[in-house]
Amino acid sequence: MNQNVTNPIIEAKDLCFSYKNEDGIPLPVIRNLTFSVERGSFVCILGHNGSGKSTLAKLLNLVLTPDSGSLSVGGIDVMRDDLSDDDIYNLRRRIGMVFQNPDNQLVATIVEEDIAFGPENLGIAPDEIRTRVDEALRAVNMTEFAHHSPSQLSGGQKQRIAIAGIIAMLPDCIIFDESTAMLDPIGRAEVMDTIESLNRERGITVLHITHYMDEAVRADRVIVMNHGEIFLDDTPGAVFAQVEALQSVGLDVPQVTALVHKLRREAGFEISEDILHSADAVKALKELYESI
């Protein structure tokens, strides 16, 4: 699918990046990657281990620098020879990143102090920091835990505090790099509700890297990476309808989609291939039963 992006926050063209092994030999990880991300959209990036998705996240936040190609993030050309420290500083303010382990992002012994850490380092006035901290706590539904120690919180709650710390810096975009991977189902649900709310209600652009197919169905768009290249790029329904293609690159599909696929391909029932949610499957199966 050729994505029609009219107001991009991220634009990459022919982007390449390689790591070097112990002998100094380049090992390509990102290969001629071209894509754009619409401002305010919710994009999920999928791929097996080693597909390049986490490396891409680090390129977008300038944790890593591309080898070649072009990359514009938040209106900043990150490949410019004269890119200043101020440019990098501004980019990292506007493109927040939440990692897999929340303990790696929590720096204070009190929740509200942890959230204030980022704005304080930006030189924000104390009154404004107080406003941002309170607003960030409300955004992740953690106001009642403002004076708790992060060590007392569950995994899901810690991750929500890590997200609040990013929100307090008022980013345009947040990249979630497998931020639900270490959480139990309850914690995962809490964080996904927070991510979706940030996008739908606050207009923050979201790039969510995950292994969980049921999380990807909540996005506007799904990008599947394979060997550093884009393998599929479309709406969740269109991507997950391609069951064999996804399985060929080591990925699964949501359970509902797998059931629908079996009913179509193995039992011969006429049922839509792009069903992603259990409620839609129940409705389709009811209609199918009534038509027999």
C-alpha atoms as a PDB file:
ATOM      1  CA  MET A   1       0.000   0.000   0.000  1.00  0.00           C
ATOM      2  CA  ASN A   2       1.293   3.466  -0.881  1.00  0.00           C
ATOM      3  CA  GLN A   3       0.495   5.454   2.256  1.00  0.00           C
ATOM      4  CA  ASN A   4      -0.997   8.880   1.487  1.00  0.00           C
ATOM      5  CA  VAL A   5       0.850  11.024   4.028  1.00  0.00           C
ATOM      6  CA  THR A   6      -0.004  14.708   3.738  1.00  0.00           C
ATOM      7  CA  ASN A   7       1.388  16.046   7.039  1.00  0.00           C
ATOM      8  CA  PRO A   8       4.385  13.873   7.933  1.00  0.00           C
ATOM      9  CA  ILE A   9       6.167  13.997  11.256  1.00  0.00           C
ATOM     10  CA  ILE A  10       8.684  11.397  10.044  1.00  0.00           C
ATOM     11  CA  GLU A  11      10.035  11.001   6.511  1.00  0.00           C
ATOM     12  CA  ALA A  12      12.689   8.469   5.551  1.00  0.00           C
ATOM     13  CA  LYS A  13      14.043   7.707   2.102  1.00  0.00           C
ATOM     14  CA  ASP A  14      16.558   4.978   1.213  1.00  0.00           C
ATOM     15  CA  LEU A  15      17.606   4.839   4.863  1.00  0.00           C
ATOM     16  CA  CYS A  16      20.504   2.481   5.636  1.00  0.00           C
ATOM     17  CA  PHE A  17      22.285   1.489   8.829  1.00  0.00           C
ATOM     18  CA  SER A  18      24.829  -1.207   9.685  1.00  0.00           C
ATOM     19  CA  TYR A  19      26.425  -2.423  12.876  1.00  0.00           C
ATOM     20  CA  LYS A  20      30.057  -3.535  12.771  1.00  0.00           C
ATOM     21  CA  ASN A  21      31.159  -6.911  14.072  1.00  0.00           C
ATOM     22  CA  GLU A  22      34.305  -7.424  16.123  1.00  0.00           C
ATOM     23  CA  ASP A  23      36.359  -7.500  12.907  1.00  0.00           C
ATOM     24  CA  GLY A  24      34.959  -4.158  11.784  1.00  0.00           C
ATOM     25  CA  ILE A  25      32.867  -5.688   9.014  1.00  0.00           C
ATOM     26  CA  PRO A  26      29.534  -3.869   8.474  1.00  0.00           C
ATOM     27  CA  LEU A  27      26.419  -5.961   9.115  1.00  0.00           C
ATOM     28  CA  PRO A  28      23.419  -4.297   7.400  1.00  0.00           C
ATOM     29  CA  VAL A  29      20.376  -3.968   9.663  1.00  0.00           C
ATOM     30  CA  ILE A  30      18.298  -1.277   7.902  1.00  0.00           C
ATOM     31  CA  ARG A  31      18.258  -1.554   4.105  1.00  0.00           C
ATOM     32  CA  ASN A  32      17.033   1.261   1.821  1.00  0.00           C
ATOM     33  CA  LEU A  33      14.016   1.950   4.011  1.00  0.00           C
ATOM     34  CA  THR A  34      11.503   4.456   2.628  1.00  0.00           C
ATOM     35  CA  PHE A  35       8.363   5.449   4.538  1.00  0.00           C
ATOM     36  CA  SER A  36       6.510   8.389   6.106  1.00  0.00           C
ATOM     37  CA  VAL A  37       4.393   8.708   9.247  1.00  0.00           C
ATOM     38  CA  GLU A  38       1.379  11.018   9.351  1.00  0.00           C
ATOM     39  CA  ARG A  39       1.295  13.464  12.252  1.00  0.00           C
ATOM     40  CA  GLY A  40      -1.287  12.320  14.823  1.00  0.00           C
ATOM     41  CA  SER A  41      -1.439   8.726  13.567  1.00  0.00           C
ATOM     42  CA  PHE A  42      -1.052   5.449  15.487  1.00  0.00           C
ATOM     43  CA  VAL A  43       1.405   3.155  13.700  1.00  0.00           C
ATOM     44  CA  CYS A  44       2.400  -0.307  14.894  1.00  0.00           C
ATOM     45  CA  ILE A  45       5.691  -1.863  13.778  1.00  0.00           C
ATOM     46  CA  LEU A  46       5.957  -5.649  13.768  1.00  0.00           C
ATOM     47  CA  GLY A  47       8.782  -8.030  12.926  1.00  0.00           C
ATOM     48  CA  HIS A  48      10.635 -11.062  14.201  1.00  0.00           C
ATOM     49  CA  ASN A  49      13.778 -10.662  16.324  1.00  0.00           C
ATOM     50  CA  GLY A  50      16.515  -9.160  14.189  1.00  0.00           C
ATOM     51  CA  SER A  51      14.138  -7.600  11.668  1.00  0.00           C
ATOM     52  CA  GLY A  52      15.462  -4.103  12.439  1.00  0.00           C
ATOM     53  CA  LYS A  53      12.455  -2.580  14.184  1.00  0.00           C
ATOM     54  CA  SER A  54      14.221  -1.569  17.415  1.00  0.00           C
ATOM     55  CA  THR A  55      17.201  -0.245  15.460  1.00  0.00           C
ATOM     56  CA  LEU A  56      14.783   1.881  13.452  1.00  0.00           C
ATOM     57  CA  ALA A  57      13.352   3.303  16.692  1.00  0.00           C
ATOM     58  CA  LYS A  58      16.851   4.324  17.821  1.00  0.00           C
ATOM     59  CA  LEU A  59      17.521   5.995  14.451  1.00  0.00           C
ATOM     60  CA  LEU A  60      14.333   8.027  14.750  1.00  0.00           C
ATOM     61  CA  ASN A  61      15.385   9.294  18.195  1.00  0.00           C
ATOM     62  CA  LEU A  62      19.041   9.847  17.166  1.00  0.00           C
ATOM     63  CA  VAL A  63      20.310   7.274  19.614  1.00  0.00           C
ATOM     64  CA  LEU A  64      21.923   5.945  16.416  1.00  0.00           C
ATOM     65  CA  THR A  65      22.920   7.891  13.299  1.00  0.00           C
ATOM     66  CA  PRO A  66      21.974   6.588   9.821  1.00  0.00           C
ATOM     67  CA  ASP A  67      24.780   5.576   7.472  1.00  0.00           C
ATOM     68  CA  SER A  68      23.074   6.945   4.369  1.00  0.00           C
ATOM     69  CA  GLY A  69      19.763   8.030   2.884  1.00  0.00           C
ATOM     70  CA  SER A  70      17.612  10.881   4.158  1.00  0.00           C
ATOM     71  CA  LEU A  71      15.684  11.206   7.416  1.00  0.00           C
ATOM     72  CA  SER A  72      13.542  14.089   8.637  1.00  0.00           C
ATOM     73  CA  VAL A  73      12.031  13.882  12.122  1.00  0.00           C
ATOM     74  CA  GLY A  74       9.759  16.609  13.441  1.00  0.00           C
ATOM     75  CA  GLY A  75      10.854  18.854  10.589  1.00  0.00           C
ATOM     76  CA  ILE A  76      14.549  18.420  11.416  1.00  0.00           C
ATOM     77  CA  ASP A  77      16.848  16.949   8.746  1.00  0.00           C
ATOM     78  CA  VAL A  78      18.944  14.622  10.903  1.00  0.00           C
ATOM     79  CA  MET A  79      21.416  13.974   8.080  1.00  0.00           C
ATOM     80  CA  ARG A  80      22.555  17.606   7.830  1.00  0.00           C
ATOM     81  CA  ASP A  81      26.315  18.108   8.165  1.00  0.00           C
ATOM     82  CA  ASP A  82      25.741  21.177  10.336  1.00  0.00           C
ATOM     83  CA  LEU A  83      23.292  19.481  12.728  1.00  0.00           C
ATOM     84  CA  SER A  84      23.906  21.181  16.073  1.00  0.00           C
ATOM     85  CA  ASP A  85      23.592  19.968  19.632  1.00  0.00           C
ATOM     86  CA  ASP A  86      20.567  22.261  19.943  1.00  0.00           C
ATOM     87  CA  ASP A  87      18.946  20.511  16.968  1.00  0.00           C
ATOM     88  CA  ILE A  88      19.495  17.103  18.579  1.00  0.00           C
ATOM     89  CA  TYR A  89      18.228  18.450  21.908  1.00  0.00           C
ATOM     90  CA  ASN A  90      15.063  19.806  20.270  1.00  0.00           C
ATOM     91  CA  LEU A  91      14.468  16.577  18.391  1.00  0.00           C
ATOM     92  CA  ARG A  92      14.698  14.457  21.540  1.00  0.00           C
ATOM     93  CA  ARG A  93      12.279  16.825  23.273  1.00  0.00           C
ATOM     94  CA  ARG A  94       9.740  16.327  20.500  1.00  0.00           C
ATOM     95  CA  ILE A  95      10.233  12.589  19.947  1.00  0.00           C
ATOM     96  CA  GLY A  96       9.895  10.752  23.259  1.00  0.00           C
ATOM     97  CA  MET A  97      10.846   7.123  23.753  1.00  0.00           C
ATOM     98  CA  VAL A  98       9.542   4.519  26.208  1.00  0.00           C
ATOM     99  CA  PHE A  99      11.629   1.368  26.531  1.00  0.00           C
ATOM    100  CA  GLN A 100      10.895  -2.232  27.451  1.00  0.00           C
ATOM    101  CA  ASN A 101      11.987  -2.076  31.097  1.00  0.00           C
ATOM    102  CA  PRO A 102      10.419   0.839  33.031  1.00  0.00           C
ATOM    103  CA  ASP A 103      13.030   0.526  35.791  1.00  0.00           C
ATOM    104  CA  ASN A 104      15.597   1.827  33.292  1.00  0.00           C
ATOM    105  CA  GLN A 105      13.661   5.120  32.966  1.00  0.00           C
ATOM    106  CA  LEU A 106      12.704   5.769  36.592  1.00  0.00           C
ATOM    107  CA  VAL A 107      15.293   7.956  38.330  1.00  0.00           C
ATOM    108  CA  ALA A 108      13.658   9.351  41.495  1.00  0.00           C
ATOM    109  CA  THR A 109      12.338   7.847  44.727  1.00  0.00           C
ATOM    110  CA  ILE A 110       8.964   9.645  44.517  1.00  0.00           C
ATOM    111  CA  VAL A 111       6.628   9.350  41.532  1.00  0.00           C
ATOM    112  CA  GLU A 112       5.951  13.065  41.001  1.00  0.00           C
ATOM    113  CA  GLU A 113       9.669  13.868  41.318  1.00  0.00           C
ATOM    114  CA  ASP A 114      10.426  11.297  38.659  1.00  0.00           C
ATOM    115  CA  ILE A 115       7.925  12.874  36.256  1.00  0.00           C
ATOM    116  CA  ALA A 116       9.376  16.332  36.984  1.00  0.00           C
ATOM    117  CA  PHE A 117      12.924  15.198  36.131  1.00  0.00           C
ATOM    118  CA  GLY A 118      12.620  15.761  32.360  1.00  0.00           C
ATOM    119  CA  PRO A 119      11.030  19.232  32.490  1.00  0.00           C
ATOM    120  CA  GLU A 120      13.541  20.331  35.145  1.00  0.00           C
ATOM    121  CA  ASN A 121      16.376  19.395  32.803  1.00  0.00           C
ATOM    122  CA  LEU A 122      14.711  21.452  30.080  1.00  0.00           C
ATOM    123  CA  GLY A 123      14.875  24.509  32.339  1.00  0.00           C
ATOM    124  CA  ILE A 124      11.089  24.814  32.655  1.00  0.00           C
ATOM    125  CA  ALA A 125       9.817  27.230  35.336  1.00  0.00           C
ATOM    126  CA  PRO A 126       8.694  25.538  38.609  1.00  0.00           C
ATOM    127  CA  ASP A 127       5.034  26.593  38.262  1.00  0.00           C
ATOM    128  CA  GLU A 128       4.904  25.173  34.745  1.00  0.00           C
ATOM    129  CA  ILE A 129       6.572  21.939  35.916  1.00  0.00           C
ATOM    130  CA  ARG A 130       3.891  21.547  38.602  1.00  0.00           C
ATOM    131  CA  THR A 131       1.190  21.955  35.956  1.00  0.00           C
ATOM    132  CA  ARG A 132       2.863  19.470  33.596  1.00  0.00           C
ATOM    133  CA  VAL A 133       3.364  16.853  36.312  1.00  0.00           C
ATOM    134  CA  ASP A 134      -0.272  17.040  37.416  1.00  0.00           C
ATOM    135  CA  GLU A 135      -1.479  16.875  33.810  1.00  0.00           C
ATOM    136  CA  ALA A 136       0.804  13.915  33.007  1.00  0.00           C
ATOM    137  CA  LEU A 137      -0.426  12.010  36.073  1.00  0.00           C
ATOM    138  CA  ARG A 138      -4.023  12.573  34.989  1.00  0.00           C
ATOM    139  CA  ALA A 139      -3.202  11.443  31.460  1.00  0.00           C
ATOM    140  CA  VAL A 140      -2.048   8.027  32.697  1.00  0.00           C
ATOM    141  CA  ASN A 141      -4.634   7.762  35.522  1.00  0.00           C
ATOM    142  CA  MET A 142      -1.982   7.737  38.242  1.00  0.00           C
ATOM    143  CA  THR A 143      -2.782  10.922  40.205  1.00  0.00           C
ATOM    144  CA  GLU A 144      -3.418   9.019  43.438  1.00  0.00           C
ATOM    145  CA  PHE A 145       0.119   7.583  43.290  1.00  0.00           C
ATOM    146  CA  ALA A 146       1.905  10.954  43.034  1.00  0.00           C
ATOM    147  CA  HIS A 147       3.595  10.594  46.434  1.00  0.00           C
ATOM    148  CA  HIS A 148       4.326   6.874  46.241  1.00  0.00           C
ATOM    149  CA  SER A 149       7.709   5.311  45.640  1.00  0.00           C
ATOM    150  CA  PRO A 150       8.017   3.741  42.164  1.00  0.00           C
ATOM    151  CA  SER A 151       9.381   0.613  43.860  1.00  0.00           C
ATOM    152  CA  GLN A 152       5.919   0.060  45.401  1.00  0.00           C
ATOM    153  CA  LEU A 153       4.172  -0.031  42.032  1.00  0.00           C
ATOM    154  CA  SER A 154       3.299  -2.920  39.737  1.00  0.00           C
ATOM    155  CA  GLY A 155       5.028  -3.342  36.374  1.00  0.00           C
ATOM    156  CA  GLY A 156       2.128  -1.789  34.504  1.00  0.00           C
ATOM    157  CA  GLN A 157       1.980   1.158  36.895  1.00  0.00           C
ATOM    158  CA  LYS A 158       5.738   1.733  36.583  1.00  0.00           C
ATOM    159  CA  GLN A 159       5.442   1.789  32.812  1.00  0.00           C
ATOM    160  CA  ARG A 160       2.602   4.309  33.038  1.00  0.00           C
ATOM    161  CA  ILE A 161       4.834   6.524  35.209  1.00  0.00           C
ATOM    162  CA  ALA A 162       7.621   6.208  32.641  1.00  0.00           C
ATOM    163  CA  ILE A 163       5.102   7.314  29.994  1.00  0.00           C
ATOM    164  CA  ALA A 164       4.009  10.219  32.200  1.00  0.00           C
ATOM    165  CA  GLY A 165       7.631  11.358  32.413  1.00  0.00           C
ATOM    166  CA  ILE A 166       7.704  11.571  28.614  1.00  0.00           C
ATOM    167  CA  ILE A 167       4.297  13.303  28.432  1.00  0.00           C
ATOM    168  CA  ALA A 168       5.519  16.023  30.825  1.00  0.00           C
ATOM    169  CA  MET A 169       8.075  17.029  28.181  1.00  0.00           C
ATOM    170  CA  LEU A 170       5.191  17.703  25.737  1.00  0.00           C
ATOM    171  CA  PRO A 171       6.417  15.568  22.814  1.00  0.00           C
ATOM    172  CA  ASP A 172       4.820  15.522  19.372  1.00  0.00           C
ATOM    173  CA  CYS A 173       5.495  11.797  19.022  1.00  0.00           C
ATOM    174  CA  ILE A 174       6.198   8.901  21.387  1.00  0.00           C
ATOM    175  CA  ILE A 175       7.972   5.724  20.300  1.00  0.00           C
ATOM    176  CA  PHE A 176       7.129   2.671  22.429  1.00  0.00           C
ATOM    177  CA  ASP A 177       9.904   0.113  21.962  1.00  0.00           C
ATOM    178  CA  GLU A 178       8.320  -3.171  23.135  1.00  0.00           C
ATOM    179  CA  SER A 179       7.064  -1.302  26.193  1.00  0.00           C
ATOM    180  CA  THR A 180       4.575  -4.046  27.120  1.00  0.00           C
ATOM    181  CA  ALA A 181       6.959  -7.003  26.694  1.00  0.00           C
ATOM    182  CA  MET A 182       7.800  -7.398  30.396  1.00  0.00           C
ATOM    183  CA  LEU A 183       4.261  -6.895  31.701  1.00  0.00           C
ATOM    184  CA  ASP A 184       1.534  -9.319  32.745  1.00  0.00           C
ATOM    185  CA  PRO A 185      -1.809  -9.208  30.875  1.00  0.00           C
ATOM    186  CA  ILE A 186      -3.297  -6.659  33.287  1.00  0.00           C
ATOM    187  CA  GLY A 187      -0.274  -4.387  32.986  1.00  0.00           C
ATOM    188  CA  ARG A 188      -0.284  -4.734  29.207  1.00  0.00           C
ATOM    189  CA  ALA A 189      -3.952  -3.736  29.067  1.00  0.00           C
ATOM    190  CA  GLU A 190      -3.303  -0.689  31.287  1.00  0.00           C
ATOM    191  CA  VAL A 191      -0.437   0.517  29.112  1.00  0.00           C
ATOM    192  CA  MET A 192      -2.282  -0.100  25.837  1.00  0.00           C
ATOM    193  CA  ASP A 193      -5.292   1.879  27.091  1.00  0.00           C
ATOM    194  CA  THR A 194      -2.909   4.710  27.973  1.00  0.00           C
ATOM    195  CA  ILE A 195      -1.201   4.587  24.575  1.00  0.00           C
ATOM    196  CA  GLU A 196      -4.510   4.629  22.728  1.00  0.00           C
ATOM    197  CA  SER A 197      -5.818   7.517  24.853  1.00  0.00           C
ATOM    198  CA  LEU A 198      -2.698   9.594  24.193  1.00  0.00           C
ATOM    199  CA  ASN A 199      -3.221   9.156  20.475  1.00  0.00           C
ATOM    200  CA  ARG A 200      -7.005   9.430  20.185  1.00  0.00           C
ATOM    201  CA  GLU A 201      -7.626  12.112  22.786  1.00  0.00           C
ATOM    202  CA  ARG A 202      -4.420  14.148  22.773  1.00  0.00           C
ATOM    203  CA  GLY A 203      -3.317  13.778  19.171  1.00  0.00           C
ATOM    204  CA  ILE A 204       0.169  12.490  20.011  1.00  0.00           C
ATOM    205  CA  THR A 205       1.724  10.516  17.174  1.00  0.00           C
ATOM    206  CA  VAL A 206       2.421   6.947  18.323  1.00  0.00           C
ATOM    207  CA  LEU A 207       4.889   4.403  16.959  1.00  0.00           C
ATOM    208  CA  HIS A 208       4.365   1.168  18.847  1.00  0.00           C
ATOM    209  CA  ILE A 209       6.869  -1.663  18.386  1.00  0.00           C
ATOM    210  CA  THR A 210       5.471  -4.948  19.677  1.00  0.00           C
ATOM    211  CA  HIS A 211       5.367  -8.732  19.326  1.00  0.00           C
ATOM    212  CA  TYR A 212       1.698  -8.866  20.341  1.00  0.00           C
ATOM    213  CA  MET A 213      -0.723  -9.089  17.438  1.00  0.00           C
ATOM    214  CA  ASP A 214      -3.725  -8.124  19.581  1.00  0.00           C
ATOM    215  CA  GLU A 215      -2.014  -4.799  20.303  1.00  0.00           C
ATOM    216  CA  ALA A 216      -1.352  -4.139  16.626  1.00  0.00           C
ATOM    217  CA  VAL A 217      -5.048  -4.393  15.708  1.00  0.00           C
ATOM    218  CA  ARG A 218      -5.661  -1.187  17.700  1.00  0.00           C
ATOM    219  CA  ALA A 219      -3.444   0.882  15.401  1.00  0.00           C
ATOM    220  CA  ASP A 220      -4.390   2.872  12.302  1.00  0.00           C
ATOM    221  CA  ARG A 221      -1.584   1.300  10.317  1.00  0.00           C
ATOM    222  CA  VAL A 222       0.699  -1.724  10.607  1.00  0.00           C
ATOM    223  CA  ILE A 223       4.224  -1.892   9.181  1.00  0.00           C
ATOM    224  CA  VAL A 224       5.801  -5.353   9.048  1.00  0.00           C
ATOM    225  CA  MET A 225       9.588  -5.404   8.807  1.00  0.00           C
ATOM    226  CA  ASN A 226      11.743  -8.269   7.586  1.00  0.00           C
ATOM    227  CA  HIS A 227      15.547  -8.218   7.276  1.00  0.00           C
ATOM    228  CA  GLY A 228      15.626  -4.431   7.605  1.00  0.00           C
ATOM    229  CA  GLU A 229      13.057  -3.812   4.881  1.00  0.00           C
ATOM    230  CA  ILE A 230       9.329  -3.100   4.827  1.00  0.00           C
ATOM    231  CA  PHE A 231       7.540  -6.345   4.052  1.00  0.00           C
ATOM    232  CA  LEU A 232       3.927  -5.187   4.483  1.00  0.00           C
ATOM    233  CA  ASP A 233       2.440  -1.747   5.123  1.00  0.00           C
ATOM    234  CA  ASP A 234      -1.326  -1.285   5.355  1.00  0.00           C
ATOM    235  CA  THR A 235      -4.310  -1.140   7.691  1.00  0.00           C
ATOM    236  CA  PRO A 236      -4.472  -3.862  10.376  1.00  0.00           C
ATOM    237  CA  GLY A 237      -7.318  -5.625   8.564  1.00  0.00           C
ATOM    238  CA  ALA A 238      -5.459  -5.743   5.263  1.00  0.00           C
ATOM    239  CA  VAL A 239      -2.171  -6.847   6.848  1.00  0.00           C
ATOM    240  CA  PHE A 240      -3.604  -9.617   9.037  1.00  0.00           C
ATOM    241  CA  ALA A 241      -5.689 -10.968   6.173  1.00  0.00           C
ATOM    242  CA  GLN A 242      -2.368 -12.081   4.632  1.00  0.00           C
ATOM    243  CA  VAL A 243      -1.932 -15.030   6.973  1.00  0.00           C
ATOM    244  CA  GLU A 244       0.482 -17.061   4.835  1.00  0.00           C
ATOM    245  CA  ALA A 245       2.658 -14.034   4.095  1.00  0.00           C
ATOM    246  CA  LEU A 246       2.985 -13.219   7.805  1.00  0.00           C
ATOM    247  CA  GLN A 247       3.744 -16.822   8.689  1.00  0.00           C
ATOM    248  CA  SER A 248       6.465 -16.872   6.021  1.00  0.00           C
ATOM    249  CA  VAL A 249       8.392 -14.222   7.998  1.00  0.00           C
ATOM    250  CA  GLY A 250       7.875 -15.885  11.364  1.00  0.00           C
ATOM    251  CA  LEU A 251       4.853 -13.923  12.567  1.00  0.00           C
ATOM    252  CA  ASP A 252       1.438 -15.033  13.760  1.00  0.00           C
ATOM    253  CA  VAL A 253      -1.956 -13.361  13.436  1.00  0.00           C
ATOM    254  CA  PRO A 254      -4.598 -12.496  16.065  1.00  0.00           C
ATOM    255  CA  GLN A 255      -6.550 -15.554  17.244  1.00  0.00           C
ATOM    256  CA  VAL A 256      -9.795 -14.215  15.797  1.00  0.00           C
ATOM    257  CA  THR A 257      -8.148 -13.726  12.409  1.00  0.00           C
ATOM    258  CA  ALA A 258      -6.665 -17.237  12.526  1.00  0.00           C
ATOM    259  CA  LEU A 259     -10.133 -18.691  13.217  1.00  0.00           C
ATOM    260  CA  VAL A 260     -11.686 -16.755  10.345  1.00  0.00           C
ATOM    261  CA  HIS A 261      -8.876 -17.878   8.049  1.00  0.00           C
ATOM    262  CA  LYS A 262      -9.500 -21.528   8.898  1.00  0.00           C
ATOM    263  CA  LEU A 263     -13.235 -21.150   8.344  1.00  0.00           C
ATOM    264  CA  ARG A 264     -12.616 -19.638   4.919  1.00  0.00           C
ATOM    265  CA  ARG A 265      -9.749 -21.782   3.666  1.00  0.00           C
ATOM    266  CA  GLU A 266     -10.407 -25.136   5.318  1.00  0.00           C
ATOM    267  CA  ALA A 267     -14.194 -25.187   5.783  1.00  0.00           C
ATOM    268  CA  GLY A 268     -15.095 -23.074   2.755  1.00  0.00           C
ATOM    269  CA  PHE A 269     -17.371 -20.631   4.575  1.00  0.00           C
ATOM    270  CA  GLU A 270     -18.007 -17.212   3.055  1.00  0.00           C
ATOM    271  CA  ILE A 271     -16.806 -14.862   5.777  1.00  0.00           C
ATOM    272  CA  SER A 272     -14.830 -11.618   5.607  1.00  0.00           C
ATOM    273  CA  GLU A 273     -11.056 -12.010   5.876  1.00  0.00           C
ATOM    274  CA  ASP A 274     -10.394  -8.716   7.631  1.00  0.00           C
ATOM    275  CA  ILE A 275     -12.169  -9.469  10.933  1.00  0.00           C
ATOM    276  CA  LEU A 276      -9.929  -8.511  13.866  1.00  0.00           C
ATOM    277  CA  HIS A 277     -12.182  -8.381  16.931  1.00  0.00           C
ATOM    278  CA  SER A 278     -14.133 -11.104  18.703  1.00  0.00           C
ATOM    279  CA  ALA A 279     -17.378  -9.084  18.651  1.00  0.00           C
ATOM    280  CA  ASP A 280     -17.153  -8.763  14.864  1.00  0.00           C
ATOM    281  CA  ALA A 281     -16.428 -12.485  14.561  1.00  0.00           C
ATOM    282  CA  VAL A 282     -19.479 -13.353  16.674  1.00  0.00           C
ATOM    283  CA  LYS A 283     -21.656 -11.135  14.498  1.00  0.00           C
ATOM    284  CA  ALA A 284     -20.291 -12.647  11.277  1.00  0.00           C
ATOM    285  CA  LEU A 285     -20.704 -16.213  12.569  1.00  0.00           C
ATOM    286  CA  LYS A 286     -24.271 -15.479  13.654  1.00  0.00           C
ATOM    287  CA  GLU A 287     -25.099 -14.129  10.196  1.00  0.00           C
ATOM    288  CA  LEU A 288     -23.424 -17.160   8.627  1.00  0.00           C
ATOM    289  CA  TYR A 289     -25.417 -19.573  10.820  1.00  0.00           C
ATOM    290  CA  GLU A 290     -28.679 -17.829  10.024  1.00  0.00           C
ATOM    291  CA  SER A 291     -27.978 -18.039   6.299  1.00  0.00           C
ATOM    292  CA  ILE A 292     -27.455 -21.813   6.315  1.00  0.00           C
END
